[in-house]
């Protein structure tokens, strides 16, 4: 049985932590636990708190890749509108602004090849 203000490790932690004072929380935070922590009483919610070790390292990589891809796309889009980028890609991009049925792939013809909207 837990003492008043202490954490009962046999019960879900989330509801118990909300009732601790800052000093009690710091005390609990720095002591060793004897059991695997359970945060929620609901098995469904609890299942969402468990991930493999590599999931955060992978999520960060995917986020970084999406961010770099977007910055590259945005720079290319700016160059097309500024007139510094010339050629077929710019011509396709200008078509995108004036014809709703072609040039869905703003920075690459790949999407238009797949959708058969090439001209």
Protein backbone atom coordinates (compact mmCIF):
# COMPACT_ATOMS: atom_id res chain seq x y z
CA UNK A 1 0.00 0.00 0.00
CA UNK A 2 1.33 3.42 -0.96
CA UNK A 3 1.86 6.21 1.53
CA UNK A 4 -0.07 9.49 1.06
CA UNK A 5 1.53 11.56 -1.69
CA UNK A 6 3.54 8.59 -2.98
CA UNK A 7 3.12 6.76 -6.25
CA UNK A 8 1.56 3.31 -6.25
CA UNK A 9 3.45 1.54 -9.04
CA UNK A 10 0.71 -1.06 -9.40
CA UNK A 11 -1.71 1.60 -10.68
CA UNK A 12 -1.58 3.83 -13.77
CA UNK A 13 0.80 6.75 -13.26
CA UNK A 14 -0.82 9.61 -15.15
CA UNK A 15 -3.67 10.27 -12.71
CA UNK A 16 -1.36 9.91 -9.71
CA UNK A 17 1.29 12.33 -10.99
CA UNK A 18 -1.25 15.13 -11.29
CA UNK A 19 -1.80 15.09 -7.53
CA UNK A 20 1.85 15.30 -6.44
CA UNK A 21 3.42 18.48 -5.16
CA UNK A 22 6.56 19.67 -7.02
CA UNK A 23 8.77 18.32 -4.22
CA UNK A 24 7.02 14.92 -4.27
CA UNK A 25 7.30 14.79 -8.05
CA UNK A 26 11.04 15.50 -7.92
CA UNK A 27 11.46 12.82 -5.26
CA UNK A 28 9.55 10.27 -7.37
CA UNK A 29 11.39 11.28 -10.54
CA UNK A 30 14.83 10.58 -9.06
CA UNK A 31 14.17 7.22 -7.43
CA UNK A 32 14.45 3.86 -9.12
CA UNK A 33 11.27 2.11 -10.14
CA UNK A 34 10.87 -1.61 -9.53
CA UNK A 35 8.33 -2.14 -12.29
CA UNK A 36 7.51 -1.22 -15.86
CA UNK A 37 5.61 2.06 -15.82
CA UNK A 38 1.98 2.04 -16.84
CA UNK A 39 0.50 5.43 -17.71
CA UNK A 40 -3.18 4.69 -18.43
CA UNK A 41 -5.82 2.33 -17.04
CA UNK A 42 -7.16 1.73 -20.56
CA UNK A 43 -5.29 -0.99 -22.46
CA UNK A 44 -5.98 0.82 -25.75
CA UNK A 45 -4.41 4.07 -24.57
CA UNK A 46 -1.54 2.24 -22.93
CA UNK A 47 -0.71 0.47 -26.20
CA UNK A 48 -0.11 3.88 -27.80
CA UNK A 49 2.66 4.67 -25.29
CA UNK A 50 4.95 1.81 -26.35
CA UNK A 51 7.23 2.17 -29.36
CA UNK A 52 10.42 0.47 -30.49
CA UNK A 53 13.69 2.30 -29.87
CA UNK A 54 14.16 3.16 -33.55
CA UNK A 55 10.78 4.83 -34.14
CA UNK A 56 11.81 8.35 -32.82
CA UNK A 57 15.32 8.22 -34.65
CA UNK A 58 13.20 7.15 -38.03
CA UNK A 59 10.48 9.86 -37.46
CA UNK A 60 13.23 12.46 -37.18
CA UNK A 61 14.81 11.26 -40.43
CA UNK A 62 11.49 11.34 -42.27
CA UNK A 63 10.74 14.81 -40.92
CA UNK A 64 14.18 16.07 -41.99
CA UNK A 65 13.71 14.58 -45.48
CA UNK A 66 10.28 16.17 -45.89
CA UNK A 67 11.64 19.52 -44.69
CA UNK A 68 14.61 19.45 -47.09
CA UNK A 69 12.33 18.35 -49.94
CA UNK A 70 9.91 21.19 -49.28
CA UNK A 71 12.69 23.80 -49.11
CA UNK A 72 14.10 22.50 -52.42
CA UNK A 73 10.63 22.62 -54.00
CA UNK A 74 10.01 26.13 -52.68
CA UNK A 75 13.38 27.39 -53.98
CA UNK A 76 12.66 25.90 -57.41
CA UNK A 77 9.19 27.44 -57.43
CA UNK A 78 10.66 30.85 -56.60
CA UNK A 79 13.25 30.51 -59.39
CA UNK A 80 10.52 29.66 -61.89
CA UNK A 81 8.52 32.74 -61.02
CA UNK A 82 11.54 35.03 -60.84
CA UNK A 83 12.51 34.20 -64.43
CA UNK A 84 15.95 32.87 -63.45
CA UNK A 85 15.03 29.31 -64.36
CA UNK A 86 14.32 28.76 -68.03
CA UNK A 87 13.52 25.79 -70.22
CA UNK A 88 10.87 23.08 -70.42
CA UNK A 89 10.31 22.90 -66.69
CA UNK A 90 9.48 26.61 -66.46
CA UNK A 91 7.22 26.35 -69.53
CA UNK A 92 5.37 23.44 -67.92
CA UNK A 93 5.03 25.41 -64.71
CA UNK A 94 3.54 28.42 -66.49
CA UNK A 95 1.04 26.05 -68.15
CA UNK A 96 0.09 24.94 -64.67
CA UNK A 97 -1.10 28.46 -63.85
CA UNK A 98 -3.15 28.99 -67.01
CA UNK A 99 -4.68 25.58 -67.79
CA UNK A 100 -6.44 23.61 -65.07
CA UNK A 101 -6.18 20.31 -66.97
CA UNK A 102 -2.42 20.04 -67.43
CA UNK A 103 0.86 20.26 -65.55
CA UNK A 104 -0.17 19.02 -62.12
CA UNK A 105 3.47 18.20 -61.46
CA UNK A 106 4.59 21.75 -60.82
CA UNK A 107 8.27 21.00 -60.36
CA UNK A 108 8.50 17.63 -62.09
CA UNK A 109 6.72 15.95 -65.01
CA UNK A 110 6.52 12.63 -63.10
CA UNK A 111 3.01 13.25 -61.75
CA UNK A 112 1.76 14.23 -65.23
CA UNK A 113 3.18 11.05 -66.73
CA UNK A 114 1.32 9.02 -64.09
CA UNK A 115 -1.94 10.98 -64.53
CA UNK A 116 -1.57 11.23 -68.32
CA UNK A 117 -1.94 15.03 -68.26
CA UNK A 118 1.16 15.69 -70.38
CA UNK A 119 1.04 18.19 -73.21
